[in-house]
Amino acid sequence: MCAIHHGENGDTGGDGILSALVSVSASYRVTRDWSARVTRNRVVKRYTHDTDVILCGIGYRF
């Protein structure tokens, strides 16, 4: 996924022109019916402050 930011007055100058979302996910089946998942999302851009979001969850198969 990518995003293109246009600044004020439609200009594209500055460090935040292009961003990308990179995700890594891992799942573990605890039992036959239950599983656990961890996903890390990172918004990567040319600006020095990247953003990380870590999601954790459990699931039940029925």
PDB file of N, CA and C in Angstrom:
ATOM      1  N   MET A   1       0.842  -1.153   0.000  1.00  0.00           N
ATOM      2  CA  MET A   1       0.000   0.000   0.000  1.00  0.00           C
ATOM      3  C   MET A   1       0.893   1.224   0.000  1.00  0.00           C
ATOM      4  N   CYS A   2       0.578   2.205  -0.793  1.00  0.00           N
ATOM      5  CA  CYS A   2       1.349   3.444  -0.856  1.00  0.00           C
ATOM      6  C   CYS A   2       0.407   4.631  -0.756  1.00  0.00           C
ATOM      7  N   ALA A   3       0.962   5.736  -0.293  1.00  0.00           N
ATOM      8  CA  ALA A   3       0.202   6.976  -0.206  1.00  0.00           C
ATOM      9  C   ALA A   3       1.078   8.107  -0.721  1.00  0.00           C
ATOM     10  N   ILE A   4       0.486   9.026  -1.441  1.00  0.00           N
ATOM     11  CA  ILE A   4       1.211  10.200  -1.924  1.00  0.00           C
ATOM     12  C   ILE A   4       0.574  11.419  -1.296  1.00  0.00           C
ATOM     13  N   HIS A   5       1.396  12.221  -0.638  1.00  0.00           N
ATOM     14  CA  HIS A   5       0.910  13.408   0.061  1.00  0.00           C
ATOM     15  C   HIS A   5       1.199  14.643  -0.771  1.00  0.00           C
ATOM     16  N   HIS A   6       0.185  15.448  -0.984  1.00  0.00           N
ATOM     17  CA  HIS A   6       0.351  16.744  -1.625  1.00  0.00           C
ATOM     18  C   HIS A   6       0.217  17.796  -0.543  1.00  0.00           C
ATOM     19  N   GLY A   7       1.212  18.655  -0.434  1.00  0.00           N
ATOM     20  CA  GLY A   7       1.203  19.693   0.588  1.00  0.00           C
ATOM     21  C   GLY A   7       0.194  20.782   0.289  1.00  0.00           C
ATOM     22  N   GLU A   8       0.286  21.864   1.025  1.00  0.00           N
ATOM     23  CA  GLU A   8      -0.618  22.984   0.813  1.00  0.00           C
ATOM     24  C   GLU A   8      -0.406  23.554  -0.589  1.00  0.00           C
ATOM     25  N   ASN A   9      -1.450  24.032  -1.187  1.00  0.00           N
ATOM     26  CA  ASN A   9      -1.439  24.617  -2.536  1.00  0.00           C
ATOM     27  C   ASN A   9      -1.039  23.600  -3.604  1.00  0.00           C
ATOM     28  N   GLY A  10      -1.157  22.293  -3.310  1.00  0.00           N
ATOM     29  CA  GLY A  10      -0.886  21.273  -4.305  1.00  0.00           C
ATOM     30  C   GLY A  10       0.573  20.949  -4.547  1.00  0.00           C
ATOM     31  N   ASP A  11       1.501  21.569  -3.788  1.00  0.00           N
ATOM     32  CA  ASP A  11       2.914  21.261  -4.022  1.00  0.00           C
ATOM     33  C   ASP A  11       3.273  19.902  -3.415  1.00  0.00           C
ATOM     34  N   THR A  12       4.317  19.290  -3.929  1.00  0.00           N
ATOM     35  CA  THR A  12       4.757  17.986  -3.421  1.00  0.00           C
ATOM     36  C   THR A  12       6.134  18.096  -2.778  1.00  0.00           C
ATOM     37  N   GLY A  13       6.549  19.274  -2.410  1.00  0.00           N
ATOM     38  CA  GLY A  13       7.858  19.455  -1.791  1.00  0.00           C
ATOM     39  C   GLY A  13       7.880  18.960  -0.361  1.00  0.00           C
ATOM     40  N   GLY A  14       9.070  18.786   0.198  1.00  0.00           N
ATOM     41  CA  GLY A  14       9.202  18.330   1.574  1.00  0.00           C
ATOM     42  C   GLY A  14       9.608  16.867   1.646  1.00  0.00           C
ATOM     43  N   ASP A  15       9.688  16.356   2.867  1.00  0.00           N
ATOM     44  CA  ASP A  15      10.172  14.995   3.081  1.00  0.00           C
ATOM     45  C   ASP A  15       9.073  13.955   3.073  1.00  0.00           C
ATOM     46  N   GLY A  16       7.809  14.338   3.192  1.00  0.00           N
ATOM     47  CA  GLY A  16       6.742  13.362   3.333  1.00  0.00           C
ATOM     48  C   GLY A  16       5.965  13.103   2.061  1.00  0.00           C
ATOM     49  N   ILE A  17       6.626  13.018   0.925  1.00  0.00           N
ATOM     50  CA  ILE A  17       5.925  12.875  -0.348  1.00  0.00           C
ATOM     51  C   ILE A  17       5.326  11.479  -0.504  1.00  0.00           C
ATOM     52  N   LEU A  18       6.098  10.433  -0.220  1.00  0.00           N
ATOM     53  CA  LEU A  18       5.657   9.068  -0.478  1.00  0.00           C
ATOM     54  C   LEU A  18       5.801   8.226   0.786  1.00  0.00           C
ATOM     55  N   SER A  19       4.774   7.448   1.114  1.00  0.00           N
ATOM     56  CA  SER A  19       4.804   6.546   2.264  1.00  0.00           C
ATOM     57  C   SER A  19       4.410   5.158   1.793  1.00  0.00           C
ATOM     58  N   ALA A  20       4.875   4.143   2.529  1.00  0.00           N
ATOM     59  CA  ALA A  20       4.514   2.766   2.219  1.00  0.00           C
ATOM     60  C   ALA A  20       4.200   2.039   3.521  1.00  0.00           C
ATOM     61  N   LEU A  21       3.280   1.086   3.464  1.00  0.00           N
ATOM     62  CA  LEU A  21       2.922   0.272   4.624  1.00  0.00           C
ATOM     63  C   LEU A  21       3.519  -1.116   4.423  1.00  0.00           C
ATOM     64  N   VAL A  22       4.367  -1.529   5.378  1.00  0.00           N
ATOM     65  CA  VAL A  22       5.007  -2.835   5.337  1.00  0.00           C
ATOM     66  C   VAL A  22       4.505  -3.626   6.539  1.00  0.00           C
ATOM     67  N   SER A  23       4.043  -4.865   6.312  1.00  0.00           N
ATOM     68  CA  SER A  23       3.475  -5.681   7.389  1.00  0.00           C
ATOM     69  C   SER A  23       4.149  -7.043   7.443  1.00  0.00           C
ATOM     70  N   VAL A  24       4.363  -7.515   8.670  1.00  0.00           N
ATOM     71  CA  VAL A  24       4.876  -8.861   8.918  1.00  0.00           C
ATOM     72  C   VAL A  24       3.930  -9.496   9.925  1.00  0.00           C
ATOM     73  N   SER A  25       3.513 -10.740   9.652  1.00  0.00           N
ATOM     74  CA  SER A  25       2.544 -11.399  10.512  1.00  0.00           C
ATOM     75  C   SER A  25       3.006 -12.807  10.833  1.00  0.00           C
ATOM     76  N   ALA A  26       2.721 -13.248  12.054  1.00  0.00           N
ATOM     77  CA  ALA A  26       3.035 -14.613  12.478  1.00  0.00           C
ATOM     78  C   ALA A  26       1.836 -15.169  13.235  1.00  0.00           C
ATOM     79  N   SER A  27       1.553 -16.449  12.994  1.00  0.00           N
ATOM     80  CA  SER A  27       0.432 -17.101  13.653  1.00  0.00           C
ATOM     81  C   SER A  27       0.908 -18.411  14.252  1.00  0.00           C
ATOM     82  N   TYR A  28       0.351 -18.762  15.404  1.00  0.00           N
ATOM     83  CA  TYR A  28       0.692 -20.009  16.073  1.00  0.00           C
ATOM     84  C   TYR A  28      -0.595 -20.704  16.491  1.00  0.00           C
ATOM     85  N   ARG A  29      -0.736 -21.956  16.099  1.00  0.00           N
ATOM     86  CA  ARG A  29      -1.929 -22.726  16.464  1.00  0.00           C
ATOM     87  C   ARG A  29      -1.672 -23.369  17.826  1.00  0.00           C
ATOM     88  N   VAL A  30      -2.325 -22.863  18.862  1.00  0.00           N
ATOM     89  CA  VAL A  30      -2.113 -23.319  20.233  1.00  0.00           C
ATOM     90  C   VAL A  30      -2.741 -24.697  20.429  1.00  0.00           C
ATOM     91  N   THR A  31      -3.980 -24.852  20.051  1.00  0.00           N
ATOM     92  CA  THR A  31      -4.684 -26.136  20.080  1.00  0.00           C
ATOM     93  C   THR A  31      -5.398 -26.299  18.744  1.00  0.00           C
ATOM     94  N   ARG A  32      -6.211 -27.339  18.621  1.00  0.00           N
ATOM     95  CA  ARG A  32      -6.952 -27.577  17.379  1.00  0.00           C
ATOM     96  C   ARG A  32      -7.887 -26.410  17.055  1.00  0.00           C
ATOM     97  N   ASP A  33      -8.458 -25.794  18.069  1.00  0.00           N
ATOM     98  CA  ASP A  33      -9.445 -24.724  17.870  1.00  0.00           C
ATOM     99  C   ASP A  33      -8.916 -23.315  18.122  1.00  0.00           C
ATOM    100  N   TRP A  34      -7.846 -23.148  18.899  1.00  0.00           N
ATOM    101  CA  TRP A  34      -7.368 -21.825  19.293  1.00  0.00           C
ATOM    102  C   TRP A  34      -6.045 -21.491  18.602  1.00  0.00           C
ATOM    103  N   SER A  35      -5.902 -20.230  18.236  1.00  0.00           N
ATOM    104  CA  SER A  35      -4.655 -19.764  17.644  1.00  0.00           C
ATOM    105  C   SER A  35      -4.343 -18.355  18.153  1.00  0.00           C
ATOM    106  N   ALA A  36      -3.093 -17.974  18.006  1.00  0.00           N
ATOM    107  CA  ALA A  36      -2.646 -16.630  18.391  1.00  0.00           C
ATOM    108  C   ALA A  36      -1.938 -16.007  17.188  1.00  0.00           C
ATOM    109  N   ARG A  37      -2.076 -14.696  17.024  1.00  0.00           N
ATOM    110  CA  ARG A  37      -1.451 -14.004  15.891  1.00  0.00           C
ATOM    111  C   ARG A  37      -0.864 -12.680  16.356  1.00  0.00           C
ATOM    112  N   VAL A  38       0.306 -12.356  15.799  1.00  0.00           N
ATOM    113  CA  VAL A  38       0.965 -11.071  16.023  1.00  0.00           C
ATOM    114  C   VAL A  38       1.269 -10.479  14.653  1.00  0.00           C
ATOM    115  N   THR A  39       0.916  -9.216  14.466  1.00  0.00           N
ATOM    116  CA  THR A  39       1.194  -8.514  13.215  1.00  0.00           C
ATOM    117  C   THR A  39       1.869  -7.187  13.528  1.00  0.00           C
ATOM    118  N   ARG A  40       2.954  -6.908  12.816  1.00  0.00           N
ATOM    119  CA  ARG A  40       3.641  -5.625  12.972  1.00  0.00           C
ATOM    120  C   ARG A  40       3.504  -4.858  11.663  1.00  0.00           C
ATOM    121  N   ASN A  41       2.940  -3.662  11.746  1.00  0.00           N
ATOM    122  CA  ASN A  41       2.784  -2.772  10.599  1.00  0.00           C
ATOM    123  C   ASN A  41       3.739  -1.598  10.773  1.00  0.00           C
ATOM    124  N   ARG A  42       4.425  -1.227   9.721  1.00  0.00           N
ATOM    125  CA  ARG A  42       5.322  -0.077   9.770  1.00  0.00           C
ATOM    126  C   ARG A  42       5.030   0.827   8.587  1.00  0.00           C
ATOM    127  N   VAL A  43       4.801   2.096   8.881  1.00  0.00           N
ATOM    128  CA  VAL A  43       4.657   3.106   7.835  1.00  0.00           C
ATOM    129  C   VAL A  43       6.046   3.667   7.591  1.00  0.00           C
ATOM    130  N   VAL A  44       6.561   3.443   6.386  1.00  0.00           N
ATOM    131  CA  VAL A  44       7.912   3.869   6.029  1.00  0.00           C
ATOM    132  C   VAL A  44       7.805   5.081   5.119  1.00  0.00           C
ATOM    133  N   LYS A  45       8.577   6.103   5.445  1.00  0.00           N
ATOM    134  CA  LYS A  45       8.608   7.306   4.625  1.00  0.00           C
ATOM    135  C   LYS A  45       9.990   7.914   4.706  1.00  0.00           C
ATOM    136  N   ARG A  46      10.238   8.912   3.914  1.00  0.00           N
ATOM    137  CA  ARG A  46      11.565   9.529   3.905  1.00  0.00           C
ATOM    138  C   ARG A  46      11.813  10.374   5.148  1.00  0.00           C
ATOM    139  N   TYR A  47      10.763  10.790   5.813  1.00  0.00           N
ATOM    140  CA  TYR A  47      10.891  11.574   7.038  1.00  0.00           C
ATOM    141  C   TYR A  47      11.480  10.695   8.138  1.00  0.00           C
ATOM    142  N   THR A  48      12.165  11.252   9.111  1.00  0.00           N
ATOM    143  CA  THR A  48      12.898  10.464  10.098  1.00  0.00           C
ATOM    144  C   THR A  48      12.017   9.733  11.096  1.00  0.00           C
ATOM    145  N   HIS A  49      10.745  10.080  11.216  1.00  0.00           N
ATOM    146  CA  HIS A  49       9.873   9.443  12.209  1.00  0.00           C
ATOM    147  C   HIS A  49       8.944   8.437  11.539  1.00  0.00           C
ATOM    148  N   ASP A  50       9.352   7.163  11.515  1.00  0.00           N
ATOM    149  CA  ASP A  50       8.479   6.107  11.011  1.00  0.00           C
ATOM    150  C   ASP A  50       7.483   5.734  12.102  1.00  0.00           C
ATOM    151  N   THR A  51       6.420   5.039  11.731  1.00  0.00           N
ATOM    152  CA  THR A  51       5.368   4.671  12.673  1.00  0.00           C
ATOM    153  C   THR A  51       5.236   3.155  12.719  1.00  0.00           C
ATOM    154  N   ASP A  52       5.196   2.597  13.930  1.00  0.00           N
ATOM    155  CA  ASP A  52       5.003   1.162  14.120  1.00  0.00           C
ATOM    156  C   ASP A  52       3.689   0.914  14.840  1.00  0.00           C
ATOM    157  N   VAL A  53       2.957  -0.094  14.378  1.00  0.00           N
ATOM    158  CA  VAL A  53       1.735  -0.537  15.041  1.00  0.00           C
ATOM    159  C   VAL A  53       1.851  -2.047  15.200  1.00  0.00           C
ATOM    160  N   ILE A  54       1.722  -2.536  16.437  1.00  0.00           N
ATOM    161  CA  ILE A  54       1.801  -3.963  16.707  1.00  0.00           C
ATOM    162  C   ILE A  54       0.430  -4.428  17.184  1.00  0.00           C
ATOM    163  N   LEU A  55      -0.120  -5.417  16.475  1.00  0.00           N
ATOM    164  CA  LEU A  55      -1.427  -5.966  16.808  1.00  0.00           C
ATOM    165  C   LEU A  55      -1.267  -7.410  17.283  1.00  0.00           C
ATOM    166  N   CYS A  56      -1.919  -7.739  18.373  1.00  0.00           N
ATOM    167  CA  CYS A  56      -1.906  -9.093  18.927  1.00  0.00           C
ATOM    168  C   CYS A  56      -3.341  -9.555  19.093  1.00  0.00           C
ATOM    169  N   GLY A  57      -3.574 -10.832  18.853  1.00  0.00           N
ATOM    170  CA  GLY A  57      -4.932 -11.315  19.004  1.00  0.00           C
ATOM    171  C   GLY A  57      -4.994 -12.818  19.132  1.00  0.00           C
ATOM    172  N   ILE A  58      -6.152 -13.279  19.577  1.00  0.00           N
ATOM    173  CA  ILE A  58      -6.404 -14.713  19.665  1.00  0.00           C
ATOM    174  C   ILE A  58      -7.588 -15.034  18.774  1.00  0.00           C
ATOM    175  N   GLY A  59      -7.630 -16.267  18.305  1.00  0.00           N
ATOM    176  CA  GLY A  59      -8.715 -16.673  17.431  1.00  0.00           C
ATOM    177  C   GLY A  59      -9.239 -18.043  17.805  1.00  0.00           C
ATOM    178  N   TYR A  60     -10.496 -18.259  17.487  1.00  0.00           N
ATOM    179  CA  TYR A  60     -11.143 -19.552  17.749  1.00  0.00           C
ATOM    180  C   TYR A  60     -11.768 -20.042  16.459  1.00  0.00           C
ATOM    181  N   ARG A  61     -11.444 -21.262  16.067  1.00  0.00           N
ATOM    182  CA  ARG A  61     -12.033 -21.875  14.871  1.00  0.00           C
ATOM    183  C   ARG A  61     -13.277 -22.657  15.255  1.00  0.00           C
ATOM    184  N   PHE A  62     -14.343 -22.419  14.528  1.00  0.00           N
ATOM    185  CA  PHE A  62     -15.575 -23.177  14.780  1.00  0.00           C
ATOM    186  C   PHE A  62     -16.184 -23.644  13.495  1.00  0.00           C
TER     187      PHE A  62
END
